[in-house]
Amino acid sequence: MRGIHLKTSLKPKTSKQSKAYPGGVQDVLGIPRKQCGFENLKAGLEKLGLNGLNSKMSDHELDAITCAYVGKLFSEGSSHRGYCYA
């Protein structure tokens, strides 16, 4: 329900939207999921060039960062390892 409400409230303000499942995105990106340990997921995101991550963040925040990253790729029309995000 939160996602539907968010989509409805954002739709008038933006033309592009994406939806991502963090575990699936992490698999595609070749980085560990949070179940493999917080530090492993954090290190995987840092290898993608994401800076400013710290140990005070929760695993849920790292999942949100993962989805934000794929949203960035989507908005740029980028691809990663043969997967297209546009």
Protein backbone atom coordinates (compact mmCIF):
# COMPACT_ATOMS: atom_id res chain seq x y z
CA MET A 1 0.00 0.00 0.00
CA ARG A 2 2.88 2.38 0.77
CA GLY A 3 4.35 1.80 -2.69
CA ILE A 4 1.03 2.48 -4.41
CA HIS A 5 0.57 5.69 -2.40
CA LEU A 6 4.13 6.80 -3.17
CA LYS A 7 3.68 6.12 -6.89
CA THR A 8 0.42 8.06 -6.93
CA SER A 9 1.93 11.04 -5.12
CA LEU A 10 5.06 11.13 -7.30
CA LYS A 11 3.42 10.52 -10.67
CA PRO A 12 2.44 14.14 -11.32
CA LYS A 13 5.98 15.30 -10.47
CA THR A 14 8.06 12.92 -12.56
CA SER A 15 7.76 11.21 -15.90
CA LYS A 16 9.96 8.17 -15.19
CA GLN A 17 9.45 5.66 -12.45
CA SER A 18 11.07 2.36 -11.68
CA LYS A 19 10.47 -0.42 -9.24
CA ALA A 20 13.27 -2.59 -7.93
CA TYR A 21 13.60 -5.62 -5.70
CA PRO A 22 16.88 -5.11 -3.79
CA GLY A 23 17.83 -8.78 -3.56
CA GLY A 24 17.28 -9.31 -7.27
CA VAL A 25 19.22 -6.16 -8.13
CA GLN A 26 22.08 -7.27 -5.89
CA ASP A 27 22.16 -10.61 -7.70
CA VAL A 28 22.27 -8.92 -11.10
CA LEU A 29 24.98 -6.52 -9.95
CA GLY A 30 26.99 -9.43 -8.55
CA ILE A 31 27.13 -8.11 -5.00
CA PRO A 32 26.21 -9.94 -1.79
CA ARG A 33 22.73 -9.67 -0.33
CA LYS A 34 22.25 -8.47 3.25
CA GLN A 35 21.80 -12.08 4.37
CA CYS A 36 25.52 -12.54 3.57
CA GLY A 37 26.38 -9.85 6.10
CA PHE A 38 26.11 -6.11 6.36
CA GLU A 39 29.80 -5.48 5.71
CA ASN A 40 29.78 -7.68 2.61
CA LEU A 41 26.82 -5.80 1.13
CA LYS A 42 28.39 -2.45 2.05
CA ALA A 43 31.68 -3.49 0.40
CA GLY A 44 29.81 -4.60 -2.73
CA LEU A 45 28.06 -1.23 -3.01
CA GLU A 46 31.36 0.58 -2.50
CA LYS A 47 32.90 -1.45 -5.34
CA LEU A 48 30.17 0.03 -7.57
CA GLY A 49 31.52 3.47 -6.67
CA LEU A 50 28.96 4.41 -4.05
CA ASN A 51 30.55 6.58 -1.39
CA GLY A 52 29.45 7.81 2.02
CA LEU A 53 28.22 4.47 3.34
CA ASN A 54 28.87 3.86 7.02
CA SER A 55 28.35 1.27 9.70
CA LYS A 56 25.56 3.34 11.32
CA MET A 57 23.29 2.55 8.38
CA SER A 58 20.86 -0.32 8.61
CA ASP A 59 20.68 -3.18 6.16
CA HIS A 60 17.34 -1.72 5.05
CA GLU A 61 19.07 1.54 4.16
CA LEU A 62 21.64 -0.38 2.10
CA ASP A 63 18.75 -2.08 0.29
CA ALA A 64 17.22 1.35 -0.38
CA ILE A 65 20.58 2.59 -1.68
CA THR A 66 20.72 -0.44 -3.98
CA CYS A 67 17.31 0.45 -5.41
CA ALA A 68 18.30 4.12 -5.75
CA TYR A 69 21.38 3.02 -7.69
CA VAL A 70 19.33 0.99 -10.16
CA GLY A 71 16.93 3.95 -10.42
CA LYS A 72 19.90 6.10 -11.40
CA LEU A 73 20.94 3.55 -14.03
CA PHE A 74 17.36 3.42 -15.28
CA SER A 75 17.07 7.20 -15.58
CA GLU A 76 20.38 7.36 -17.45
CA GLY A 77 19.35 4.55 -19.79
CA SER A 78 22.43 2.65 -18.63
CA SER A 79 23.06 -1.04 -18.56
CA HIS A 80 25.14 -3.30 -16.35
CA ARG A 81 26.56 -6.64 -17.47
CA GLY A 82 24.21 -6.89 -20.38
CA TYR A 83 21.05 -5.98 -18.44
CA CYS A 84 19.26 -2.93 -19.75
CA TYR A 85 17.52 -0.61 -17.29
CA ALA A 86 15.63 1.48 -19.78
